[in-house]
């Protein structure tokens, strides 16, 4: 796992630092890590949605398809992934 990923999942990191870390994941094309963030139930919705938006932005069809089929994923996130596929 990358340093940016670890920054996002740490509980003692402020909101702005987490958002910047997600943006670094998007910029570096870490699509699998972004998908894992979307699937991380303990992570605030704001961060999960930003990670999903990053997948859409990078046209990560394979990861979006996995999310669209993931019945354990919150329905609003799953529907957004379905729309993007």
PDB file of N, CA and C in Angstrom:
ATOM      1  N   UNK A   1       0.830  -1.182   0.000  1.00  0.00           N
ATOM      2  CA  UNK A   1       0.000   0.000   0.000  1.00  0.00           C
ATOM      3  C   UNK A   1       0.881   1.255   0.000  1.00  0.00           C
ATOM      4  N   UNK A   2       0.434   2.219  -0.742  1.00  0.00           N
ATOM      5  CA  UNK A   2       1.216   3.445  -0.876  1.00  0.00           C
ATOM      6  C   UNK A   2       1.044   4.353   0.351  1.00  0.00           C
ATOM      7  N   UNK A   3       1.921   5.314   0.457  1.00  0.00           N
ATOM      8  CA  UNK A   3       1.848   6.284   1.550  1.00  0.00           C
ATOM      9  C   UNK A   3       0.543   7.082   1.478  1.00  0.00           C
ATOM     10  N   UNK A   4       0.121   7.436   0.273  1.00  0.00           N
ATOM     11  CA  UNK A   4      -1.130   8.189   0.121  1.00  0.00           C
ATOM     12  C   UNK A   4      -2.318   7.358   0.616  1.00  0.00           C
ATOM     13  N   UNK A   5      -2.332   6.086   0.301  1.00  0.00           N
ATOM     14  CA  UNK A   5      -3.407   5.206   0.768  1.00  0.00           C
ATOM     15  C   UNK A   5      -3.422   5.155   2.295  1.00  0.00           C
ATOM     16  N   UNK A   6      -2.251   4.963   2.880  1.00  0.00           N
ATOM     17  CA  UNK A   6      -2.161   4.908   4.349  1.00  0.00           C
ATOM     18  C   UNK A   6      -2.630   6.218   4.983  1.00  0.00           C
ATOM     19  N   UNK A   7      -2.343   7.336   4.340  1.00  0.00           N
ATOM     20  CA  UNK A   7      -2.791   8.635   4.849  1.00  0.00           C
ATOM     21  C   UNK A   7      -4.313   8.696   4.897  1.00  0.00           C
ATOM     22  N   UNK A   8      -4.966   8.203   3.868  1.00  0.00           N
ATOM     23  CA  UNK A   8      -6.428   8.256   3.814  1.00  0.00           C
ATOM     24  C   UNK A   8      -7.055   7.399   4.912  1.00  0.00           C
ATOM     25  N   UNK A   9      -6.525   6.235   5.169  1.00  0.00           N
ATOM     26  CA  UNK A   9      -7.175   5.317   6.112  1.00  0.00           C
ATOM     27  C   UNK A   9      -6.794   5.551   7.572  1.00  0.00           C
ATOM     28  N   UNK A  10      -5.761   6.347   7.831  1.00  0.00           N
ATOM     29  CA  UNK A  10      -5.397   6.655   9.223  1.00  0.00           C
ATOM     30  C   UNK A  10      -6.488   7.502   9.864  1.00  0.00           C
ATOM     31  N   UNK A  11      -6.798   7.198  11.107  1.00  0.00           N
ATOM     32  CA  UNK A  11      -7.887   7.907  11.784  1.00  0.00           C
ATOM     33  C   UNK A  11      -7.476   9.282  12.310  1.00  0.00           C
ATOM     34  N   UNK A  12      -6.206   9.520  12.514  1.00  0.00           N
ATOM     35  CA  UNK A  12      -5.780  10.790  13.113  1.00  0.00           C
ATOM     36  C   UNK A  12      -5.291  11.813  12.082  1.00  0.00           C
ATOM     37  N   UNK A  13      -5.743  11.693  10.844  1.00  0.00           N
ATOM     38  CA  UNK A  13      -5.343  12.611   9.777  1.00  0.00           C
ATOM     39  C   UNK A  13      -6.517  13.539   9.475  1.00  0.00           C
ATOM     40  N   UNK A  14      -6.231  14.833   9.306  1.00  0.00           N
ATOM     41  CA  UNK A  14      -7.330  15.772   9.067  1.00  0.00           C
ATOM     42  C   UNK A  14      -7.918  15.616   7.656  1.00  0.00           C
ATOM     43  N   UNK A  15      -9.093  16.178   7.498  1.00  0.00           N
ATOM     44  CA  UNK A  15      -9.888  16.042   6.277  1.00  0.00           C
ATOM     45  C   UNK A  15      -9.117  16.494   5.034  1.00  0.00           C
ATOM     46  N   UNK A  16      -8.510  17.669   5.093  1.00  0.00           N
ATOM     47  CA  UNK A  16      -7.801  18.214   3.925  1.00  0.00           C
ATOM     48  C   UNK A  16      -6.644  17.316   3.501  1.00  0.00           C
ATOM     49  N   UNK A  17      -5.928  16.768   4.463  1.00  0.00           N
ATOM     50  CA  UNK A  17      -4.814  15.875   4.135  1.00  0.00           C
ATOM     51  C   UNK A  17      -5.322  14.593   3.487  1.00  0.00           C
ATOM     52  N   UNK A  18      -6.449  14.102   3.948  1.00  0.00           N
ATOM     53  CA  UNK A  18      -7.038  12.894   3.340  1.00  0.00           C
ATOM     54  C   UNK A  18      -7.483  13.173   1.907  1.00  0.00           C
ATOM     55  N   UNK A  19      -8.146  14.305   1.711  1.00  0.00           N
ATOM     56  CA  UNK A  19      -8.600  14.642   0.361  1.00  0.00           C
ATOM     57  C   UNK A  19      -7.411  14.811  -0.592  1.00  0.00           C
ATOM     58  N   UNK A  20      -6.348  15.435  -0.113  1.00  0.00           N
ATOM     59  CA  UNK A  20      -5.144  15.606  -0.934  1.00  0.00           C
ATOM     60  C   UNK A  20      -4.515  14.250  -1.243  1.00  0.00           C
ATOM     61  N   UNK A  21      -4.553  13.334  -0.294  1.00  0.00           N
ATOM     62  CA  UNK A  21      -3.989  12.001  -0.511  1.00  0.00           C
ATOM     63  C   UNK A  21      -4.797  11.243  -1.561  1.00  0.00           C
ATOM     64  N   UNK A  22      -6.112  11.385  -1.540  1.00  0.00           N
ATOM     65  CA  UNK A  22      -6.939  10.736  -2.564  1.00  0.00           C
ATOM     66  C   UNK A  22      -6.609  11.308  -3.931  1.00  0.00           C
ATOM     67  N   UNK A  23      -6.420  12.615  -3.992  1.00  0.00           N
ATOM     68  CA  UNK A  23      -6.054  13.240  -5.272  1.00  0.00           C
ATOM     69  C   UNK A  23      -4.709  12.701  -5.772  1.00  0.00           C
ATOM     70  N   UNK A  24      -3.770  12.479  -4.864  1.00  0.00           N
ATOM     71  CA  UNK A  24      -2.484  11.885  -5.273  1.00  0.00           C
ATOM     72  C   UNK A  24      -2.680  10.474  -5.812  1.00  0.00           C
ATOM     73  N   UNK A  25      -3.589   9.708  -5.216  1.00  0.00           N
ATOM     74  CA  UNK A  25      -3.883   8.363  -5.725  1.00  0.00           C
ATOM     75  C   UNK A  25      -4.440   8.447  -7.152  1.00  0.00           C
ATOM     76  N   UNK A  26      -5.317   9.409  -7.375  1.00  0.00           N
ATOM     77  CA  UNK A  26      -5.892   9.597  -8.716  1.00  0.00           C
ATOM     78  C   UNK A  26      -4.792   9.971  -9.705  1.00  0.00           C
ATOM     79  N   UNK A  27      -3.971  10.941  -9.346  1.00  0.00           N
ATOM     80  CA  UNK A  27      -2.905  11.413 -10.230  1.00  0.00           C
ATOM     81  C   UNK A  27      -1.891  10.322 -10.559  1.00  0.00           C
ATOM     82  N   UNK A  28      -1.648   9.437  -9.605  1.00  0.00           N
ATOM     83  CA  UNK A  28      -0.662   8.368  -9.847  1.00  0.00           C
ATOM     84  C   UNK A  28      -1.300   7.099 -10.405  1.00  0.00           C
ATOM     85  N   UNK A  29      -2.605   7.140 -10.652  1.00  0.00           N
ATOM     86  CA  UNK A  29      -3.270   6.008 -11.297  1.00  0.00           C
ATOM     87  C   UNK A  29      -3.410   4.771 -10.430  1.00  0.00           C
ATOM     88  N   UNK A  30      -3.507   4.950  -9.129  1.00  0.00           N
ATOM     89  CA  UNK A  30      -3.630   3.818  -8.212  1.00  0.00           C
ATOM     90  C   UNK A  30      -5.094   3.374  -8.119  1.00  0.00           C
ATOM     91  N   UNK A  31      -5.570   2.777  -9.191  1.00  0.00           N
ATOM     92  CA  UNK A  31      -6.980   2.432  -9.328  1.00  0.00           C
ATOM     93  C   UNK A  31      -7.436   1.376  -8.330  1.00  0.00           C
ATOM     94  N   UNK A  32      -6.613   0.388  -8.081  1.00  0.00           N
ATOM     95  CA  UNK A  32      -6.995  -0.643  -7.113  1.00  0.00           C
ATOM     96  C   UNK A  32      -7.148  -0.041  -5.722  1.00  0.00           C
ATOM     97  N   UNK A  33      -6.222   0.817  -5.328  1.00  0.00           N
ATOM     98  CA  UNK A  33      -6.317   1.458  -4.014  1.00  0.00           C
ATOM     99  C   UNK A  33      -7.558   2.349  -3.927  1.00  0.00           C
ATOM    100  N   UNK A  34      -7.895   3.025  -5.002  1.00  0.00           N
ATOM    101  CA  UNK A  34      -9.109   3.847  -5.013  1.00  0.00           C
ATOM    102  C   UNK A  34     -10.348   2.960  -4.850  1.00  0.00           C
ATOM    103  N   UNK A  35     -10.371   1.820  -5.528  1.00  0.00           N
ATOM    104  CA  UNK A  35     -11.504   0.901  -5.395  1.00  0.00           C
ATOM    105  C   UNK A  35     -11.632   0.398  -3.959  1.00  0.00           C
ATOM    106  N   UNK A  36     -10.514   0.058  -3.356  1.00  0.00           N
ATOM    107  CA  UNK A  36     -10.529  -0.413  -1.966  1.00  0.00           C
ATOM    108  C   UNK A  36     -11.074   0.680  -1.047  1.00  0.00           C
ATOM    109  N   UNK A  37     -10.715   1.920  -1.289  1.00  0.00           N
ATOM    110  CA  UNK A  37     -11.246   3.017  -0.474  1.00  0.00           C
ATOM    111  C   UNK A  37     -12.763   3.124  -0.611  1.00  0.00           C
ATOM    112  N   UNK A  38     -13.263   2.980  -1.819  1.00  0.00           N
ATOM    113  CA  UNK A  38     -14.714   3.032  -2.030  1.00  0.00           C
ATOM    114  C   UNK A  38     -15.392   1.909  -1.238  1.00  0.00           C
ATOM    115  N   UNK A  39     -14.758   0.763  -1.154  1.00  0.00           N
ATOM    116  CA  UNK A  39     -15.328  -0.393  -0.474  1.00  0.00           C
ATOM    117  C   UNK A  39     -15.125  -0.378   1.041  1.00  0.00           C
ATOM    118  N   UNK A  40     -14.348   0.542   1.558  1.00  0.00           N
ATOM    119  CA  UNK A  40     -14.024   0.571   2.983  1.00  0.00           C
ATOM    120  C   UNK A  40     -15.176   1.190   3.772  1.00  0.00           C
ATOM    121  N   UNK A  41     -15.954   0.340   4.408  1.00  0.00           N
ATOM    122  CA  UNK A  41     -17.169   0.767   5.104  1.00  0.00           C
ATOM    123  C   UNK A  41     -16.880   1.714   6.262  1.00  0.00           C
ATOM    124  N   UNK A  42     -15.748   1.611   6.904  1.00  0.00           N
ATOM    125  CA  UNK A  42     -15.432   2.467   8.036  1.00  0.00           C
ATOM    126  C   UNK A  42     -14.964   3.859   7.664  1.00  0.00           C
ATOM    127  N   UNK A  43     -14.823   4.121   6.388  1.00  0.00           N
ATOM    128  CA  UNK A  43     -14.349   5.416   5.904  1.00  0.00           C
ATOM    129  C   UNK A  43     -15.547   6.333   5.641  1.00  0.00           C
ATOM    130  N   UNK A  44     -15.418   7.598   5.993  1.00  0.00           N
ATOM    131  CA  UNK A  44     -16.516   8.547   5.782  1.00  0.00           C
ATOM    132  C   UNK A  44     -16.912   8.605   4.314  1.00  0.00           C
ATOM    133  N   UNK A  45     -18.200   8.832   4.090  1.00  0.00           N
ATOM    134  CA  UNK A  45     -18.752   8.866   2.744  1.00  0.00           C
ATOM    135  C   UNK A  45     -18.084   9.871   1.831  1.00  0.00           C
ATOM    136  N   UNK A  46     -17.671  11.000   2.377  1.00  0.00           N
ATOM    137  CA  UNK A  46     -16.995  12.031   1.587  1.00  0.00           C
ATOM    138  C   UNK A  46     -15.766  11.469   0.890  1.00  0.00           C
ATOM    139  N   UNK A  47     -14.978  10.698   1.625  1.00  0.00           N
ATOM    140  CA  UNK A  47     -13.744  10.148   1.071  1.00  0.00           C
ATOM    141  C   UNK A  47     -14.043   9.013   0.099  1.00  0.00           C
ATOM    142  N   UNK A  48     -15.043   8.210   0.416  1.00  0.00           N
ATOM    143  CA  UNK A  48     -15.420   7.113  -0.476  1.00  0.00           C
ATOM    144  C   UNK A  48     -15.925   7.656  -1.809  1.00  0.00           C
ATOM    145  N   UNK A  49     -16.730   8.725  -1.752  1.00  0.00           N
ATOM    146  CA  UNK A  49     -17.243   9.332  -2.988  1.00  0.00           C
ATOM    147  C   UNK A  49     -16.126   9.967  -3.807  1.00  0.00           C
ATOM    148  N   UNK A  50     -15.181  10.612  -3.135  1.00  0.00           N
ATOM    149  CA  UNK A  50     -14.078  11.213  -3.878  1.00  0.00           C
ATOM    150  C   UNK A  50     -13.251  10.135  -4.568  1.00  0.00           C
ATOM    151  N   UNK A  51     -13.034   9.018  -3.894  1.00  0.00           N
ATOM    152  CA  UNK A  51     -12.300   7.918  -4.507  1.00  0.00           C
ATOM    153  C   UNK A  51     -13.058   7.383  -5.722  1.00  0.00           C
ATOM    154  N   UNK A  52     -14.386   7.274  -5.609  1.00  0.00           N
ATOM    155  CA  UNK A  52     -15.196   6.818  -6.738  1.00  0.00           C
ATOM    156  C   UNK A  52     -15.119   7.815  -7.889  1.00  0.00           C
ATOM    157  N   UNK A  53     -15.186   9.090  -7.585  1.00  0.00           N
ATOM    158  CA  UNK A  53     -15.055  10.119  -8.622  1.00  0.00           C
ATOM    159  C   UNK A  53     -13.692  10.028  -9.312  1.00  0.00           C
ATOM    160  N   UNK A  54     -12.667   9.694  -8.543  1.00  0.00           N
ATOM    161  CA  UNK A  54     -11.337   9.509  -9.123  1.00  0.00           C
ATOM    162  C   UNK A  54     -11.298   8.343 -10.097  1.00  0.00           C
ATOM    163  N   UNK A  55     -12.028   7.282  -9.781  1.00  0.00           N
ATOM    164  CA  UNK A  55     -12.101   6.147 -10.699  1.00  0.00           C
ATOM    165  C   UNK A  55     -12.820   6.536 -11.985  1.00  0.00           C
ATOM    166  N   UNK A  56     -13.877   7.312 -11.853  1.00  0.00           N
ATOM    167  CA  UNK A  56     -14.604   7.786 -13.030  1.00  0.00           C
ATOM    168  C   UNK A  56     -13.695   8.690 -13.865  1.00  0.00           C
ATOM    169  N   UNK A  57     -12.999   9.596 -13.208  1.00  0.00           N
ATOM    170  CA  UNK A  57     -12.106  10.549 -13.875  1.00  0.00           C
ATOM    171  C   UNK A  57     -11.011   9.841 -14.667  1.00  0.00           C
ATOM    172  N   UNK A  58     -10.508   8.742 -14.124  1.00  0.00           N
ATOM    173  CA  UNK A  58      -9.421   8.008 -14.783  1.00  0.00           C
ATOM    174  C   UNK A  58      -9.932   6.905 -15.708  1.00  0.00           C
ATOM    175  N   UNK A  59     -11.260   6.849 -15.880  1.00  0.00           N
ATOM    176  CA  UNK A  59     -11.874   5.861 -16.774  1.00  0.00           C
ATOM    177  C   UNK A  59     -11.465   4.435 -16.390  1.00  0.00           C
ATOM    178  N   UNK A  60     -11.536   4.131 -15.112  1.00  0.00           N
ATOM    179  CA  UNK A  60     -11.130   2.829 -14.577  1.00  0.00           C
ATOM    180  C   UNK A  60     -12.299   1.843 -14.684  1.00  0.00           C
ATOM    181  N   UNK A  61     -12.605   1.447 -15.900  1.00  0.00           N
ATOM    182  CA  UNK A  61     -13.791   0.616 -16.164  1.00  0.00           C
ATOM    183  C   UNK A  61     -13.799  -0.711 -15.407  1.00  0.00           C
ATOM    184  N   UNK A  62     -12.669  -1.378 -15.318  1.00  0.00           N
ATOM    185  CA  UNK A  62     -12.634  -2.676 -14.634  1.00  0.00           C
ATOM    186  C   UNK A  62     -12.993  -2.522 -13.158  1.00  0.00           C
ATOM    187  N   UNK A  63     -12.422  -1.521 -12.502  1.00  0.00           N
ATOM    188  CA  UNK A  63     -12.711  -1.292 -11.092  1.00  0.00           C
ATOM    189  C   UNK A  63     -14.148  -0.825 -10.893  1.00  0.00           C
ATOM    190  N   UNK A  64     -14.633   0.025 -11.783  1.00  0.00           N
ATOM    191  CA  UNK A  64     -16.016   0.489 -11.698  1.00  0.00           C
ATOM    192  C   UNK A  64     -16.993  -0.668 -11.888  1.00  0.00           C
ATOM    193  N   UNK A  65     -16.660  -1.586 -12.780  1.00  0.00           N
ATOM    194  CA  UNK A  65     -17.514  -2.760 -12.998  1.00  0.00           C
ATOM    195  C   UNK A  65     -17.562  -3.617 -11.730  1.00  0.00           C
ATOM    196  N   UNK A  66     -16.422  -3.804 -11.102  1.00  0.00           N
ATOM    197  CA  UNK A  66     -16.390  -4.576  -9.845  1.00  0.00           C
ATOM    198  C   UNK A  66     -17.260  -3.908  -8.782  1.00  0.00           C
ATOM    199  N   UNK A  67     -17.182  -2.607  -8.684  1.00  0.00           N
ATOM    200  CA  UNK A  67     -17.997  -1.879  -7.715  1.00  0.00           C
ATOM    201  C   UNK A  67     -19.480  -1.960  -8.066  1.00  0.00           C
ATOM    202  N   UNK A  68     -19.787  -1.877  -9.335  1.00  0.00           N
ATOM    203  CA  UNK A  68     -21.183  -1.947  -9.777  1.00  0.00           C
ATOM    204  C   UNK A  68     -21.816  -3.291  -9.444  1.00  0.00           C
ATOM    205  N   UNK A  69     -21.010  -4.323  -9.353  1.00  0.00           N
ATOM    206  CA  UNK A  69     -21.508  -5.668  -9.059  1.00  0.00           C
ATOM    207  C   UNK A  69     -21.403  -6.043  -7.582  1.00  0.00           C
ATOM    208  N   UNK A  70     -20.818  -5.181  -6.775  1.00  0.00           N
ATOM    209  CA  UNK A  70     -20.568  -5.470  -5.362  1.00  0.00           C
ATOM    210  C   UNK A  70     -21.824  -5.204  -4.530  1.00  0.00           C
ATOM    211  N   UNK A  71     -22.555  -6.245  -4.190  1.00  0.00           N
ATOM    212  CA  UNK A  71     -23.812  -6.102  -3.439  1.00  0.00           C
ATOM    213  C   UNK A  71     -23.588  -5.672  -1.986  1.00  0.00           C
ATOM    214  N   UNK A  72     -22.370  -5.809  -1.487  1.00  0.00           N
ATOM    215  CA  UNK A  72     -22.060  -5.372  -0.123  1.00  0.00           C
ATOM    216  C   UNK A  72     -21.825  -3.861  -0.060  1.00  0.00           C
ATOM    217  N   UNK A  73     -21.621  -3.250  -1.207  1.00  0.00           N
ATOM    218  CA  UNK A  73     -21.349  -1.815  -1.283  1.00  0.00           C
ATOM    219  C   UNK A  73     -22.639  -1.025  -1.073  1.00  0.00           C
ATOM    220  N   UNK A  74     -22.530   0.090  -0.388  1.00  0.00           N
ATOM    221  CA  UNK A  74     -23.683   0.977  -0.181  1.00  0.00           C
ATOM    222  C   UNK A  74     -24.354   1.244  -1.533  1.00  0.00           C
ATOM    223  N   UNK A  75     -25.675   1.186  -1.552  1.00  0.00           N
ATOM    224  CA  UNK A  75     -26.410   1.248  -2.821  1.00  0.00           C
ATOM    225  C   UNK A  75     -26.144   2.524  -3.618  1.00  0.00           C
ATOM    226  N   UNK A  76     -25.996   3.672  -2.956  1.00  0.00           N
ATOM    227  CA  UNK A  76     -25.763   4.914  -3.713  1.00  0.00           C
ATOM    228  C   UNK A  76     -24.410   4.873  -4.422  1.00  0.00           C
ATOM    229  N   UNK A  77     -23.412   4.301  -3.783  1.00  0.00           N
ATOM    230  CA  UNK A  77     -22.095   4.174  -4.420  1.00  0.00           C
ATOM    231  C   UNK A  77     -22.156   3.159  -5.560  1.00  0.00           C
ATOM    232  N   UNK A  78     -22.857   2.054  -5.334  1.00  0.00           N
ATOM    233  CA  UNK A  78     -22.982   1.029  -6.376  1.00  0.00           C
ATOM    234  C   UNK A  78     -23.696   1.601  -7.604  1.00  0.00           C
ATOM    235  N   UNK A  79     -24.761   2.363  -7.377  1.00  0.00           N
ATOM    236  CA  UNK A  79     -25.512   2.944  -8.496  1.00  0.00           C
ATOM    237  C   UNK A  79     -24.649   3.945  -9.273  1.00  0.00           C
ATOM    238  N   UNK A  80     -23.869   4.729  -8.560  1.00  0.00           N
ATOM    239  CA  UNK A  80     -22.991   5.683  -9.242  1.00  0.00           C
ATOM    240  C   UNK A  80     -21.970   4.940 -10.102  1.00  0.00           C
ATOM    241  N   UNK A  81     -21.429   3.841  -9.580  1.00  0.00           N
ATOM    242  CA  UNK A  81     -20.487   3.029 -10.353  1.00  0.00           C
ATOM    243  C   UNK A  81     -21.174   2.437 -11.574  1.00  0.00           C
ATOM    244  N   UNK A  82     -22.422   1.995 -11.417  1.00  0.00           N
ATOM    245  CA  UNK A  82     -23.162   1.432 -12.546  1.00  0.00           C
ATOM    246  C   UNK A  82     -23.365   2.457 -13.639  1.00  0.00           C
ATOM    247  N   UNK A  83     -23.686   3.689 -13.245  1.00  0.00           N
ATOM    248  CA  UNK A  83     -23.881   4.764 -14.237  1.00  0.00           C
ATOM    249  C   UNK A  83     -22.602   5.067 -15.009  1.00  0.00           C
ATOM    250  N   UNK A  84     -21.477   4.886 -14.348  1.00  0.00           N
ATOM    251  CA  UNK A  84     -20.201   5.250 -14.965  1.00  0.00           C
ATOM    252  C   UNK A  84     -19.655   4.171 -15.888  1.00  0.00           C
ATOM    253  N   UNK A  85     -20.164   2.963 -15.753  1.00  0.00           N
ATOM    254  CA  UNK A  85     -19.625   1.852 -16.563  1.00  0.00           C
ATOM    255  C   UNK A  85     -20.120   1.946 -17.988  1.00  0.00           C
TER     256      UNK A  85
END
